[in-house]
Protein backbone atom coordinates (compact mmCIF):
# COMPACT_ATOMS: atom_id res chain seq x y z
CA MET A 1 21.00 3.31 -22.87
CA ALA A 2 23.08 5.03 -19.91
CA PHE A 3 19.67 5.23 -17.91
CA GLU A 4 19.70 2.62 -15.17
CA ILE A 5 16.16 0.72 -14.60
CA VAL A 6 17.43 -0.96 -11.78
CA GLU A 7 16.66 0.04 -8.38
CA THR A 8 15.53 3.34 -10.11
CA THR A 9 12.95 5.49 -8.62
CA ILE A 10 10.26 7.67 -10.15
CA ALA A 11 11.69 10.93 -9.42
CA LYS A 12 14.93 9.78 -11.53
CA ILE A 13 12.82 8.59 -14.24
CA GLN A 14 10.77 11.92 -14.50
CA ALA A 15 14.38 13.77 -14.30
CA ALA A 16 15.61 11.55 -17.21
CA LEU A 17 12.43 11.89 -19.54
CA ASP A 18 12.06 16.22 -18.81
CA SER A 19 15.95 16.18 -19.70
CA GLY A 20 15.63 13.90 -22.79
CA GLU A 21 18.01 11.43 -21.43
CA ILE A 22 14.86 8.80 -22.16
CA THR A 23 11.84 9.19 -23.76
CA SER A 24 8.70 6.76 -22.22
CA ARG A 25 9.15 4.58 -25.06
CA GLN A 26 12.42 4.06 -24.35
CA LEU A 27 11.84 3.17 -21.02
CA LEU A 28 9.31 0.74 -21.66
CA LEU A 29 11.46 -1.10 -24.17
CA MET A 30 14.22 -1.53 -21.20
CA TYR A 31 11.26 -2.90 -18.84
CA LEU A 32 10.41 -5.60 -21.64
CA GLU A 33 13.80 -6.73 -22.55
CA ARG A 34 14.33 -7.21 -19.15
CA ILE A 35 11.19 -9.17 -18.18
CA ALA A 36 12.23 -11.00 -21.35
CA ASP A 37 15.34 -11.86 -20.10
CA HIS A 38 14.35 -12.98 -16.31
CA ASP A 39 10.83 -13.87 -15.81
CA LYS A 40 10.55 -16.01 -18.68
CA ASN A 41 13.85 -17.13 -18.99
CA GLY A 42 16.86 -17.31 -16.91
CA LEU A 43 15.47 -17.80 -13.27
CA THR A 44 11.92 -17.67 -14.72
CA VAL A 45 10.41 -16.27 -11.88
CA GLY A 46 6.89 -16.48 -13.76
CA SER A 47 5.56 -12.51 -12.21
CA VAL A 48 3.84 -11.21 -15.50
CA ILE A 49 0.72 -12.73 -16.86
CA GLU A 50 0.49 -10.57 -19.87
CA ILE A 51 1.60 -7.59 -21.76
CA ASN A 52 -0.35 -4.92 -22.75
CA PRO A 53 -0.19 -4.85 -26.81
CA ASP A 54 -0.82 -1.11 -26.53
CA ALA A 55 1.27 -0.48 -24.09
CA LEU A 56 4.00 1.14 -26.70
CA PHE A 57 1.43 3.30 -28.44
CA ILE A 58 0.39 4.77 -25.01
CA ALA A 59 4.09 5.46 -24.23
CA ASP A 60 4.48 7.24 -27.23
CA ALA A 61 1.52 9.40 -26.56
CA MET A 62 2.94 10.28 -23.14
CA ASP A 63 6.07 11.49 -25.02
CA ALA A 64 4.12 13.31 -27.57
CA GLU A 65 2.36 15.23 -24.81
CA ARG A 66 5.37 15.87 -22.87
CA ALA A 67 6.96 17.33 -26.00
CA ILE A 68 3.85 19.35 -27.07
CA LEU A 69 2.23 20.33 -23.80
CA SER A 70 3.92 19.41 -20.53
CA ALA A 71 3.72 16.36 -18.22
CA ARG A 72 0.75 15.29 -16.63
CA GLY A 73 2.64 14.93 -12.72
CA PRO A 74 4.81 12.15 -11.21
CA LEU A 75 3.49 9.44 -13.33
CA HIS A 76 3.25 10.69 -16.74
CA GLY A 77 4.91 8.19 -18.93
CA VAL A 78 6.02 5.40 -15.95
CA PRO A 79 5.37 1.87 -16.37
CA VAL A 80 2.93 0.31 -13.92
CA MET A 81 1.57 -3.12 -13.59
CA LEU A 82 -1.73 -4.30 -12.29
CA LYS A 83 -2.41 -7.41 -10.60
CA ASP A 84 -4.64 -9.81 -12.64
CA ASN A 85 -8.13 -9.31 -10.57
CA ILE A 86 -7.82 -5.23 -11.79
CA ASN A 87 -10.07 -4.66 -14.69
CA THR A 88 -8.66 -2.97 -17.97
CA GLY A 89 -10.86 -1.44 -20.83
CA ASP A 90 -8.53 -2.62 -23.51
CA LYS A 91 -6.81 -5.63 -24.99
CA MET A 92 -6.13 -7.41 -21.98
CA HIS A 93 -7.85 -10.14 -20.02
CA THR A 94 -8.52 -9.82 -16.46
CA SER A 95 -8.97 -13.34 -14.87
CA ALA A 96 -7.37 -13.40 -11.17
CA GLY A 97 -5.52 -16.54 -12.44
CA SER A 98 -8.28 -18.42 -13.30
CA LEU A 99 -8.01 -20.66 -17.15
CA ALA A 100 -11.72 -20.10 -16.44
CA LEU A 101 -11.79 -16.56 -17.12
CA ALA A 102 -9.10 -16.57 -19.46
CA ASP A 103 -10.92 -15.42 -22.25
CA SER A 104 -12.71 -12.60 -19.70
CA PHE A 105 -12.44 -9.16 -21.42
CA ALA A 106 -14.18 -6.29 -18.71
CA GLY A 107 -16.07 -3.70 -20.71
CA GLU A 108 -14.16 -0.62 -19.08
CA ASP A 109 -11.39 0.05 -16.36
CA ALA A 110 -11.71 -0.20 -12.97
CA PHE A 111 -12.07 3.28 -10.84
CA ILE A 112 -8.06 3.82 -9.87
CA VAL A 113 -7.22 2.64 -13.59
CA SER A 114 -8.98 5.45 -14.93
CA ARG A 115 -6.94 7.67 -12.78
CA LEU A 116 -3.99 6.20 -13.32
CA ARG A 117 -4.52 6.64 -17.01
CA ASP A 118 -5.51 10.04 -16.24
CA ALA A 119 -2.16 10.61 -14.30
CA GLY A 120 -0.34 9.36 -17.67
CA ALA A 121 0.81 6.02 -16.54
CA VAL A 122 1.41 3.29 -19.06
CA ILE A 123 -0.17 0.71 -17.75
CA LEU A 124 2.40 -2.35 -18.90
CA GLY A 125 0.34 -5.40 -18.08
CA LYS A 126 -0.89 -7.37 -15.51
CA THR A 127 0.53 -9.55 -12.86
CA ASN A 128 0.38 -13.64 -11.80
CA MET A 129 -1.67 -14.00 -8.39
CA THR A 130 -2.94 -16.66 -6.18
CA GLU A 131 -5.87 -17.99 -8.26
CA PHE A 132 -9.05 -16.16 -6.88
CA ALA A 133 -6.66 -14.33 -4.01
CA ASN A 134 -6.17 -17.65 -2.34
CA PHE A 135 -9.87 -18.01 -2.10
CA MET A 136 -10.14 -21.22 -4.60
CA THR A 137 -8.78 -24.38 -2.24
CA THR A 138 -7.09 -25.33 0.78
CA GLY A 139 -3.26 -25.94 0.24
CA MET A 140 -2.72 -24.15 -3.16
CA PRO A 141 0.94 -22.65 -2.60
CA SER A 142 1.22 -18.54 -2.75
CA GLY A 143 1.95 -16.94 -6.46
CA TYR A 144 0.17 -20.01 -8.41
CA SER A 145 -2.44 -19.89 -10.85
CA SER A 146 -3.89 -22.17 -13.40
CA ARG A 147 -3.56 -19.35 -15.81
CA GLY A 148 -0.27 -18.06 -15.15
CA GLY A 149 1.96 -21.03 -13.36
CA GLN A 150 3.70 -20.76 -10.04
CA THR A 151 5.69 -17.35 -9.32
CA LEU A 152 8.92 -17.90 -8.01
CA ASN A 153 10.63 -15.82 -5.22
CA PRO A 154 13.76 -14.11 -6.93
CA TYR A 155 15.93 -13.98 -3.70
CA ASN A 156 15.52 -18.04 -3.01
CA ILE A 157 13.32 -20.23 -4.91
CA SER A 158 12.81 -22.28 -2.61
CA LYS A 159 11.11 -19.96 -0.50
CA PRO A 160 7.48 -19.04 -0.90
CA THR A 161 6.54 -15.81 -2.64
CA GLY A 162 3.68 -14.59 -0.35
CA GLY A 163 0.43 -13.85 -1.82
CA SER A 164 -1.84 -13.06 -3.28
CA SER A 165 -0.34 -10.42 -5.00
CA SER A 166 2.67 -12.57 -5.67
CA GLY A 167 3.26 -10.97 -9.23
CA SER A 168 2.46 -7.45 -7.82
CA ALA A 169 5.29 -7.81 -5.78
CA VAL A 170 7.93 -9.89 -7.30
CA ALA A 171 7.45 -7.76 -10.60
CA VAL A 172 8.60 -4.73 -8.48
CA ALA A 173 11.44 -6.61 -6.92
CA CYS A 174 12.63 -7.79 -10.01
CA ASN A 175 12.61 -4.13 -11.48
CA PHE A 176 10.24 -5.84 -14.33
CA CYS A 177 8.31 -1.93 -13.91
CA ALA A 178 8.48 1.12 -11.78
CA VAL A 179 5.48 0.51 -9.53
CA SER A 180 2.54 -2.18 -9.45
CA VAL A 181 -0.82 -2.13 -8.02
CA GLY A 182 -2.05 -4.90 -5.44
CA THR A 183 -5.11 -5.93 -3.74
CA GLU A 184 -5.86 -7.05 -0.69
CA THR A 185 -8.45 -9.06 1.72
CA SER A 186 -6.25 -9.96 4.59
CA GLY A 187 -2.30 -9.72 4.07
CA SER A 188 -2.53 -10.12 0.11
CA ILE A 189 -0.43 -6.96 -0.08
CA LEU A 190 1.67 -7.35 3.29
CA ASN A 191 2.94 -10.79 2.95
CA PRO A 192 4.22 -10.53 -0.53
CA ALA A 193 5.67 -7.06 -0.20
CA SER A 194 7.60 -8.43 2.94
CA LEU A 195 8.76 -11.58 1.29
CA GLY A 196 9.74 -9.38 -1.95
CA SER A 197 11.68 -7.08 0.22
CA VAL A 198 9.60 -3.88 -1.03
CA VAL A 199 7.02 -1.46 0.52
CA GLY A 200 3.13 -2.37 0.41
CA ILE A 201 0.66 0.20 1.16
CA LYS A 202 -2.82 -1.66 2.72
CA PRO A 203 -5.25 1.59 2.99
CA THR A 204 -8.33 1.80 4.77
CA VAL A 205 -10.94 0.08 3.26
CA GLY A 206 -12.74 3.18 1.48
CA LEU A 207 -10.01 5.17 0.84
CA LEU A 208 -9.17 3.93 -2.87
CA SER A 209 -12.15 2.68 -4.94
CA ARG A 210 -12.73 -0.90 -5.41
CA SER A 211 -15.01 -0.80 -8.46
CA GLY A 212 -14.06 -2.57 -11.38
CA ILE A 213 -11.82 -5.36 -9.43
CA LEU A 214 -13.05 -8.80 -9.22
CA PRO A 215 -13.36 -9.32 -5.47
CA LEU A 216 -13.43 -11.30 -2.64
CA SER A 217 -15.19 -9.81 0.28
CA ASN A 218 -17.11 -6.84 0.16
CA SER A 219 -16.04 -5.78 4.02
CA GLN A 220 -12.13 -6.25 3.86
CA ASP A 221 -11.41 -5.76 -0.04
CA THR A 222 -8.79 -2.81 -1.21
CA ALA A 223 -6.24 -2.15 -3.68
CA GLY A 224 -3.00 -0.56 -2.63
CA PRO A 225 0.68 0.19 -4.22
CA ILE A 226 3.61 -1.94 -4.30
CA ALA A 227 6.69 -0.09 -5.08
CA ARG A 228 10.47 -0.13 -3.94
CA THR A 229 10.68 3.11 -1.72
CA VAL A 230 8.22 4.66 0.24
CA ARG A 231 8.18 7.65 -1.92
CA ASP A 232 7.19 5.82 -5.02
CA ALA A 233 4.53 4.02 -3.13
CA VAL A 234 2.96 7.19 -1.84
CA LEU A 235 3.26 8.57 -5.40
CA LEU A 236 1.47 6.22 -6.80
CA LEU A 237 -1.58 5.93 -3.77
CA ASN A 238 -2.07 10.11 -4.76
CA ALA A 239 -2.45 8.68 -8.26
CA MET A 240 -5.64 6.50 -7.30
CA LEU A 241 -7.74 8.54 -4.79
CA GLY A 242 -10.25 10.02 -5.64
CA PRO A 243 -14.43 9.33 -4.47
CA ASP A 244 -16.35 6.82 -6.52
CA GLU A 245 -19.86 7.41 -6.48
CA THR A 246 -20.37 3.49 -7.48
CA ASP A 247 -18.37 2.46 -4.81
CA ALA A 248 -20.25 2.96 -1.28
CA ALA A 249 -17.33 2.57 0.80
CA THR A 250 -15.31 5.48 -0.61
CA GLY A 251 -17.95 7.57 1.08
CA ALA A 252 -16.59 6.98 4.56
CA SER A 253 -13.36 8.77 3.41
CA LEU A 254 -15.02 12.24 3.03
CA GLY A 255 -13.17 14.58 4.94
CA LYS A 256 -10.66 12.02 6.31
CA THR A 257 -7.97 12.22 2.80
CA HIS A 258 -5.56 13.85 1.50
CA GLY A 259 -5.21 15.18 -1.99
CA ASP A 260 -1.40 15.25 -1.60
CA TYR A 261 0.75 12.58 0.68
CA THR A 262 4.06 13.22 0.17
CA GLY A 263 3.60 16.34 2.64
CA PHE A 264 3.71 13.61 5.02
CA LEU A 265 7.08 11.73 3.75
CA ASP A 266 9.26 13.57 6.59
CA GLY A 267 12.66 12.01 7.28
CA ASN A 268 12.40 12.31 11.10
CA GLY A 269 9.51 11.28 11.40
CA LEU A 270 9.93 8.18 14.22
CA GLN A 271 11.37 11.49 16.57
CA GLY A 272 8.62 11.15 19.60
CA ALA A 273 6.75 8.77 17.92
CA ARG A 274 5.01 6.24 20.24
CA ILE A 275 4.92 2.84 18.57
CA GLY A 276 3.67 -0.19 20.25
CA ILE A 277 5.09 -3.76 20.16
CA PRO A 278 2.14 -6.11 20.04
CA ARG A 279 4.09 -9.43 21.47
CA ASP A 280 1.36 -11.34 22.89
CA TYR A 281 0.21 -14.04 20.16
CA TYR A 282 1.77 -12.14 17.37
CA PHE A 283 5.23 -13.18 17.88
CA GLU A 284 4.54 -16.71 18.53
CA GLU A 285 5.26 -18.11 15.14
CA VAL A 286 7.89 -15.26 14.22
CA GLY A 287 11.19 -17.48 14.69
CA ASP A 288 14.18 -16.55 15.66
CA GLU A 289 15.62 -15.05 12.52
CA ARG A 290 13.07 -12.71 12.19
CA LEU A 291 12.86 -12.18 15.55
CA ALA A 292 16.36 -11.12 15.51
CA LEU A 293 15.45 -8.98 12.41
CA TYR A 294 12.80 -7.29 13.71
CA GLU A 295 14.77 -6.41 17.66
CA VAL A 296 17.33 -4.42 15.21
CA ALA A 297 14.33 -2.71 13.65
CA VAL A 298 13.05 -1.55 16.79
CA ARG A 299 16.68 -0.50 17.84
CA LEU A 300 16.80 1.37 15.29
CA MET A 301 13.68 3.10 15.83
CA LYS A 302 14.47 4.13 19.12
CA ASP A 303 17.77 5.45 17.88
CA GLN A 304 16.08 7.76 16.15
CA GLY A 305 13.94 9.13 18.84
CA ALA A 306 10.80 6.68 18.75
CA VAL A 307 8.86 6.04 22.44
CA ILE A 308 8.85 2.44 22.25
CA VAL A 309 6.08 0.83 24.19
CA ASP A 310 7.03 -2.69 24.54
CA PRO A 311 4.64 -4.49 25.45
CA ALA A 312 1.56 -2.83 23.82
CA ASP A 313 -0.54 -6.45 23.74
CA VAL A 314 -3.85 -6.24 21.38
CA PRO A 315 -6.16 -7.23 24.20
CA THR A 316 -8.10 -9.27 22.14
CA ALA A 317 -5.58 -10.92 19.98
CA ARG A 318 -6.38 -14.74 21.49
CA ASP A 319 -10.15 -14.03 21.36
CA ILE A 320 -10.23 -13.51 17.32
CA ARG A 321 -10.66 -16.89 15.62
CA TYR A 322 -12.40 -18.22 12.31
CA SER A 323 -14.83 -15.99 10.85
CA SER A 324 -17.50 -17.09 7.99
CA VAL A 325 -17.11 -13.27 6.51
CA VAL A 326 -15.17 -13.69 3.58
CA LEU A 327 -16.62 -17.23 2.76
CA ASN A 328 -20.51 -15.49 2.66
CA GLU A 329 -19.29 -12.68 0.88
CA PHE A 330 -17.10 -13.88 -2.02
CA LYS A 331 -20.35 -15.51 -3.49
CA ASN A 332 -22.24 -12.36 -3.50
CA SER A 333 -19.57 -10.18 -4.76
CA LEU A 334 -17.90 -12.47 -7.30
CA ASN A 335 -21.79 -13.30 -8.75
CA ALA A 336 -22.46 -9.25 -8.99
CA TYR A 337 -19.17 -8.58 -10.57
CA LEU A 338 -19.41 -11.40 -13.15
CA ALA A 339 -23.25 -10.23 -13.92
CA LYS A 340 -21.56 -6.79 -14.97
CA LEU A 341 -19.68 -8.09 -17.46
CA GLY A 342 -22.24 -8.32 -19.99
CA PRO A 343 -24.20 -11.36 -21.83
CA GLY A 344 -21.02 -12.20 -23.80
CA ALA A 345 -18.98 -13.19 -20.98
CA PRO A 346 -17.75 -16.70 -20.68
CA MET A 347 -18.56 -16.98 -17.38
CA ARG A 348 -21.95 -16.00 -15.67
CA THR A 349 -21.92 -17.18 -11.81
CA LEU A 350 -19.49 -19.16 -9.39
CA LYS A 351 -20.96 -22.01 -10.40
CA ASP A 352 -20.16 -21.46 -13.72
CA ILE A 353 -16.63 -21.65 -12.76
CA ILE A 354 -16.98 -24.38 -10.72
CA ALA A 355 -18.24 -26.38 -13.69
CA PHE A 356 -15.10 -25.49 -16.12
CA ASN A 357 -12.97 -26.66 -13.62
CA HIS A 358 -14.67 -29.91 -13.46
CA ALA A 359 -14.78 -29.93 -17.30
CA HIS A 360 -11.18 -29.57 -17.32
CA PRO A 361 -9.39 -31.16 -14.09
CA MET A 362 -6.24 -31.75 -15.57
CA GLU A 363 -5.69 -27.91 -16.34
CA THR A 364 -7.54 -26.02 -13.20
CA LEU A 365 -7.78 -28.86 -10.42
CA ARG A 366 -3.77 -29.32 -9.43
CA TYR A 367 -4.59 -28.42 -6.24
CA GLY A 368 -8.46 -28.86 -6.04
CA GLN A 369 -11.44 -26.02 -5.31
CA SER A 370 -12.61 -27.19 -2.18
CA THR A 371 -13.40 -23.49 -1.19
CA LEU A 372 -15.30 -22.33 -4.12
CA LEU A 373 -17.58 -25.51 -3.69
CA ASP A 374 -17.77 -24.38 0.19
CA ALA A 375 -19.02 -20.64 -1.30
CA GLU A 376 -21.25 -22.18 -3.65
CA TYR A 377 -23.35 -24.74 -1.60
CA ARG A 378 -22.83 -23.78 1.80
CA THR A 379 -23.68 -19.89 1.46
CA SER A 380 -26.57 -18.61 0.04
CA GLY A 381 -25.26 -15.39 -1.86
CA THR A 382 -27.61 -13.22 0.03
CA LEU A 383 -25.55 -12.58 3.20
CA THR A 384 -28.70 -13.71 5.54
CA GLU A 385 -26.82 -16.21 7.13
CA PRO A 386 -27.14 -15.75 10.74
CA GLN A 387 -23.54 -16.82 11.69
CA TYR A 388 -22.31 -14.37 9.21
CA LEU A 389 -24.28 -11.83 11.06
CA ARG A 390 -22.82 -12.74 13.88
CA ASP A 391 -19.47 -12.88 12.91
CA ARG A 392 -19.29 -9.51 11.10
CA ALA A 393 -20.45 -7.84 14.51
CA ALA A 394 -17.98 -9.88 16.42
CA ASP A 395 -14.80 -9.02 13.74
CA LEU A 396 -15.73 -5.45 14.52
CA ARG A 397 -15.75 -5.37 17.65
CA LEU A 398 -12.91 -7.38 18.57
CA CYS A 399 -10.61 -6.02 15.63
CA LYS A 400 -11.54 -2.40 15.96
CA ASP A 401 -13.52 -1.18 19.05
CA GLU A 402 -11.83 -3.96 21.74
CA GLY A 403 -8.74 -4.65 19.55
CA ILE A 404 -6.98 -2.16 17.83
CA ASP A 405 -9.06 1.10 19.04
CA ALA A 406 -8.48 0.15 22.88
CA VAL A 407 -4.69 -0.64 22.79
CA MET A 408 -3.81 2.17 21.17
CA ARG A 409 -5.67 4.49 23.18
CA GLU A 410 -4.42 2.82 26.33
CA HIS A 411 -1.12 3.70 25.46
CA ARG A 412 -1.58 6.97 23.17
CA LEU A 413 -0.04 4.97 20.54
CA ASP A 414 0.89 6.35 16.84
CA ALA A 415 1.35 2.82 15.54
CA LEU A 416 1.69 -0.58 16.30
CA LEU A 417 4.68 -2.27 14.60
CA PHE A 418 3.78 -5.91 13.72
CA PRO A 419 6.15 -8.64 12.38
CA ALA A 420 6.12 -8.95 8.81
CA ASP A 421 2.54 -9.41 7.81
CA PHE A 422 1.73 -11.35 11.11
CA GLY A 423 -0.98 -8.54 12.07
CA SER A 424 -2.31 -8.57 8.70
CA ARG A 425 -6.02 -10.69 9.79
CA ILE A 426 -7.01 -8.21 12.31
CA MET A 427 -6.19 -5.39 10.56
CA ALA A 428 -8.29 -6.56 7.57
CA ARG A 429 -11.21 -7.64 9.41
CA ALA A 430 -11.00 -3.53 11.30
CA GLY A 431 -10.42 -2.67 7.58
CA TYR A 432 -7.13 -0.47 8.91
CA PRO A 433 -4.20 0.74 7.11
CA SER A 434 -0.95 -0.48 7.19
CA ILE A 435 2.71 -0.06 5.84
CA VAL A 436 4.93 -2.70 5.53
CA VAL A 437 8.71 -2.09 4.66
CA PRO A 438 12.45 -3.79 4.33
CA ALA A 439 13.85 -4.62 6.97
CA GLY A 440 16.48 -7.00 6.48
CA TYR A 441 17.16 -10.65 5.21
CA THR A 442 17.75 -13.88 7.32
CA PRO A 443 21.39 -16.26 6.56
CA ASP A 444 19.41 -18.17 3.54
CA GLY A 445 18.33 -15.12 1.68
CA GLU A 446 14.72 -14.54 2.81
CA PRO A 447 13.21 -10.94 3.12
CA PHE A 448 11.89 -9.73 5.94
CA GLY A 449 9.85 -6.64 6.42
CA VAL A 450 8.08 -4.88 9.62
CA THR A 451 4.97 -3.34 9.15
CA PHE A 452 3.02 -0.28 10.65
CA ALA A 453 -0.54 -0.48 11.65
CA GLY A 454 -3.08 1.92 12.80
CA MET A 455 -6.71 2.77 12.96
CA ALA A 456 -8.72 4.57 9.94
CA PHE A 457 -7.16 6.53 8.04
CA THR A 458 -4.07 7.24 9.47
CA GLU A 459 -2.44 7.06 6.30
CA PRO A 460 -0.14 10.26 6.89
CA VAL A 461 0.79 9.00 10.30
CA LEU A 462 2.31 5.37 8.98
CA ILE A 463 3.73 7.05 5.82
CA ARG A 464 5.79 9.29 8.26
CA LEU A 465 6.92 6.60 10.23
CA ALA A 466 7.64 4.19 7.24
CA TYR A 467 9.48 6.62 5.20
CA ALA A 468 11.87 7.71 8.21
CA PHE A 469 12.70 4.20 9.06
CA GLU A 470 13.52 3.16 5.61
CA ARG A 471 15.48 6.62 5.11
CA HIS A 472 17.85 5.48 8.07
CA SER A 473 17.74 1.53 7.79
CA LYS A 474 18.50 1.20 3.73
CA ALA A 475 17.56 -2.19 4.10
CA ARG A 476 16.63 -3.02 0.90
CA ARG A 477 18.79 -4.51 -1.95
CA PRO A 478 17.51 -6.06 -5.25
CA PRO A 479 17.91 -9.72 -6.30
CA SER A 480 20.76 -11.18 -8.58
CA LEU A 481 18.40 -13.00 -10.51
CA ARG A 482 21.08 -15.66 -11.24
CA SER A 483 19.85 -19.00 -12.61
CA PHE A 484 20.66 -21.63 -10.17
CA ILE A 485 19.67 -24.38 -12.73
């Protein structure tokens, strides 16, 4: 085929499909061939955990619909990958990378997956992830799961992939799919996207439904798009939008969302924007090489007319410490999720998963399960612990009211600019949005991104800034995928 899938965009795919240059079936086969050549062969990055056995049939159906009727929209016939904690009511498993859930099938699609199917997307498969969203044990490498093995960074296999949406970022970076969906509790989209030289959008909690996603934290979880360009990430975001009566969090989005965020893709969006630099605390572990890339990005923004407020320090940055919120919410959320899988599900509770792992230690406990044990035996699952209640209130006060809100209002900021994912913890606890965009590479080839962050439901502003920065920086380049063996 003359059509080139490497670094292609959704717009180019749609133009080729509309003109008859390719079909969705041919496009899908090109992606499958590339996965065969590089994911489990050659460099062996290990980003794909499962292929949808019905993907070709879905592609054929989308081709027929396009020919007889018309395209449903920008995602019609476009291959999309999903993180392995997102339910699909089909022949694929949803395991969160756990062998204990390797035989688990969801009874129905997650809400966002239903939206993607309605948009005409072809669900190509599932991507590997850090097992249980990196909430199984301490010391587990990012991108490792007992079911999927180790995902590697295609830019430098000695560097981490970041996580927990490791496979979703790597699959997009390697051009194994057009776009993918990840999830984030605290850095799980931003971190792998930065380390994979791709765009990641972590939306405001409540912008996208979480129904049908294997959970970690009820107060912090959200799904989000991963793509090679800001425009493609926004198109994927558009397709997943919609209020969901089964997810209480989406009720907060009423009157605060937009049906189409592409209207905020402004190439001159940096002009006059007030961008704050939160140097105190957030720059202590960045390192000289990444700091140099960050400063180049800041200079570019200034050259494009941005007003740089430096420093614009978060007043509570050094007060935000360990919180028991996620630990307490995990057991409660996971047990509720497992109960909805039905009586035939292989695992019914967190305790069942722990027992399975104990019975199969060679396969499942390479790094242990200390965090699962803490969640099971140190929390009640009822969210009544006094420390949990105090920590939840403190998180909201320190991260929102006295943290992000305070610094942005003091300096009249449009956004804060963090290096890589260094602001992910405070943004996660606040439930606030962030967008990471490629910003260059260190001398040893490790990708580096910058993250635009703002207050609740300020996605339009962040999209405008991220798109303008991407347009002028043009930092992303694809990995070579050369085997070093």
